[in-house]
């Protein structure tokens, strides 16, 4: 668990600003630390190609990182098992993000929120804030609950 009592936003900011991680890496690493998921650093490299809208400006990497965290927290073994709560939980994340930012597309979000000095930090911050909200809303369905 988060031993230093930092918020998930603070942890994500650290990865983004201090470690120079991309948006997807920053979100999944922050979630890993905050929720004590125990994902090792080598495995976390799987998120690298999701930054920058999967490197092509498509689905926002911060949102992709949040979706990875939701999968880890709410899926026992695979998405198709049981009642498939992940579909509802993932849809909630995507809908709330799109509602608050008017898009989940990286290029659109960069035009609206990114700047030269801070890059996409505002989008990363919002993604982890929404992630925390969605995890709280569906906490009764967590596999470790």
Protein backbone atom coordinates (compact mmCIF):
# COMPACT_ATOMS: atom_id res chain seq x y z
CA UNK A 1 0.00 0.00 0.00
CA UNK A 2 0.98 3.67 -0.22
CA UNK A 3 3.41 3.84 2.71
CA UNK A 4 4.23 7.53 2.42
CA UNK A 5 0.57 8.60 2.49
CA UNK A 6 0.90 10.42 -0.80
CA UNK A 7 -2.13 10.89 -2.98
CA UNK A 8 -2.27 8.98 -6.22
CA UNK A 9 -2.05 12.32 -8.05
CA UNK A 10 1.22 13.11 -6.24
CA UNK A 11 2.61 9.69 -7.08
CA UNK A 12 1.64 10.05 -10.76
CA UNK A 13 3.20 13.52 -10.87
CA UNK A 14 6.42 12.05 -9.49
CA UNK A 15 6.60 9.41 -12.21
CA UNK A 16 5.69 11.88 -14.95
CA UNK A 17 7.92 14.77 -13.89
CA UNK A 18 10.78 13.20 -11.96
CA UNK A 19 11.15 9.78 -13.62
CA UNK A 20 10.20 11.03 -17.11
CA UNK A 21 7.62 8.27 -17.59
CA UNK A 22 5.00 8.74 -20.26
CA UNK A 23 1.31 9.19 -19.45
CA UNK A 24 0.39 5.49 -19.45
CA UNK A 25 3.45 4.47 -17.44
CA UNK A 26 2.83 7.23 -14.89
CA UNK A 27 -0.77 6.20 -14.29
CA UNK A 28 -0.20 2.44 -13.99
CA UNK A 29 2.90 2.94 -11.82
CA UNK A 30 1.02 5.35 -9.55
CA UNK A 31 -1.85 2.86 -9.24
CA UNK A 32 0.63 0.07 -8.55
CA UNK A 33 2.17 2.06 -5.69
CA UNK A 34 -1.08 3.49 -4.34
CA UNK A 35 -3.01 0.21 -4.29
CA UNK A 36 -0.04 -2.01 -3.45
CA UNK A 37 -0.66 -4.10 -6.55
CA UNK A 38 2.84 -5.60 -6.46
CA UNK A 39 3.50 -5.48 -10.19
CA UNK A 40 7.24 -5.72 -10.77
CA UNK A 41 9.10 -3.04 -12.79
CA UNK A 42 9.81 -5.37 -15.71
CA UNK A 43 6.12 -6.17 -16.13
CA UNK A 44 5.21 -2.49 -15.86
CA UNK A 45 7.19 -1.92 -19.08
CA UNK A 46 4.17 -3.41 -20.88
CA UNK A 47 2.53 0.00 -20.56
CA UNK A 48 5.28 1.88 -22.43
CA UNK A 49 3.77 1.63 -25.92
CA UNK A 50 0.40 2.96 -24.70
CA UNK A 51 1.81 6.48 -24.13
CA UNK A 52 1.06 9.15 -26.69
CA UNK A 53 -2.20 7.52 -27.65
CA UNK A 54 -0.58 4.15 -28.34
CA UNK A 55 2.22 6.12 -30.00
CA UNK A 56 -0.16 7.27 -32.74
CA UNK A 57 -2.36 9.85 -31.00
CA UNK A 58 -5.34 7.54 -30.60
CA UNK A 59 -6.77 6.49 -27.20
CA UNK A 60 -5.18 8.57 -24.44
CA UNK A 61 -2.32 6.78 -22.71
CA UNK A 62 -3.37 8.05 -19.28
CA UNK A 63 -6.79 6.49 -19.80
CA UNK A 64 -5.14 3.28 -21.05
CA UNK A 65 -3.00 3.16 -17.90
CA UNK A 66 -6.13 3.59 -15.77
CA UNK A 67 -7.88 0.80 -17.66
CA UNK A 68 -4.89 -1.50 -17.04
CA UNK A 69 -5.16 -0.78 -13.32
CA UNK A 70 -8.89 -1.54 -13.37
CA UNK A 71 -8.21 -4.86 -15.05
CA UNK A 72 -5.70 -5.78 -12.38
CA UNK A 73 -7.97 -4.74 -9.53
CA UNK A 74 -11.24 -6.22 -10.78
CA UNK A 75 -10.42 -9.28 -12.90
CA UNK A 76 -9.57 -12.57 -11.17
CA UNK A 77 -7.99 -14.38 -14.12
CA UNK A 78 -9.48 -13.17 -17.42
CA UNK A 79 -12.07 -10.64 -18.58
CA UNK A 80 -14.55 -13.22 -19.89
CA UNK A 81 -14.98 -15.03 -16.60
CA UNK A 82 -17.95 -14.81 -14.26
CA UNK A 83 -20.18 -11.79 -14.35
CA UNK A 84 -17.70 -9.69 -16.33
CA UNK A 85 -17.92 -6.65 -14.05
CA UNK A 86 -14.93 -5.16 -15.84
CA UNK A 87 -17.13 -4.17 -18.79
CA UNK A 88 -19.30 -1.95 -16.61
CA UNK A 89 -16.37 -0.65 -14.57
CA UNK A 90 -14.29 0.12 -17.67
CA UNK A 91 -17.23 1.79 -19.39
CA UNK A 92 -17.74 3.96 -16.31
CA UNK A 93 -14.11 5.09 -16.45
CA UNK A 94 -14.26 5.87 -20.16
CA UNK A 95 -17.62 7.69 -19.92
CA UNK A 96 -16.56 9.80 -16.95
CA UNK A 97 -13.27 10.74 -18.57
CA UNK A 98 -14.95 11.67 -21.85
CA UNK A 99 -17.62 13.65 -20.01
CA UNK A 100 -15.02 15.68 -18.12
CA UNK A 101 -12.60 16.15 -21.05
CA UNK A 102 -14.93 15.88 -24.08
CA UNK A 103 -12.70 13.21 -25.61
CA UNK A 104 -10.50 10.18 -24.92
CA UNK A 105 -8.40 10.86 -28.04
CA UNK A 106 -4.79 11.78 -27.34
CA UNK A 107 -4.44 14.35 -30.13
CA UNK A 108 -7.65 16.12 -29.12
CA UNK A 109 -6.60 16.13 -25.46
CA UNK A 110 -3.11 17.42 -26.30
CA UNK A 111 -4.62 20.34 -28.19
CA UNK A 112 -6.92 21.14 -25.26
CA UNK A 113 -4.74 20.48 -22.22
CA UNK A 114 -1.06 19.94 -22.99
CA UNK A 115 1.54 22.66 -22.91
CA UNK A 116 5.24 22.87 -23.59
CA UNK A 117 6.29 23.14 -19.96
CA UNK A 118 4.08 20.51 -18.32
CA UNK A 119 3.17 18.24 -21.23
CA UNK A 120 0.08 16.18 -20.46
CA UNK A 121 0.32 16.34 -16.66
CA UNK A 122 -3.21 17.77 -16.36
CA UNK A 123 -4.60 14.76 -18.22
CA UNK A 124 -2.55 12.35 -16.09
CA UNK A 125 -3.83 14.04 -12.93
CA UNK A 126 -7.44 13.78 -14.08
CA UNK A 127 -7.04 10.14 -15.11
CA UNK A 128 -5.75 9.07 -11.69
CA UNK A 129 -8.38 11.14 -9.93
CA UNK A 130 -11.11 9.42 -11.93
CA UNK A 131 -9.44 6.04 -11.47
CA UNK A 132 -9.52 6.47 -7.71
CA UNK A 133 -13.17 7.51 -7.87
CA UNK A 134 -14.16 4.50 -10.00
CA UNK A 135 -12.21 2.08 -7.78
CA UNK A 136 -13.98 3.52 -4.74
CA UNK A 137 -17.39 3.32 -6.42
CA UNK A 138 -16.91 -0.35 -7.28
CA UNK A 139 -14.75 -1.32 -4.29
CA UNK A 140 -17.19 -4.06 -3.29
CA UNK A 141 -16.26 -5.89 -6.52
CA UNK A 142 -12.46 -5.79 -6.13
CA UNK A 143 -10.88 -9.20 -6.30
CA UNK A 144 -8.79 -8.49 -3.18
CA UNK A 145 -11.70 -7.01 -1.22
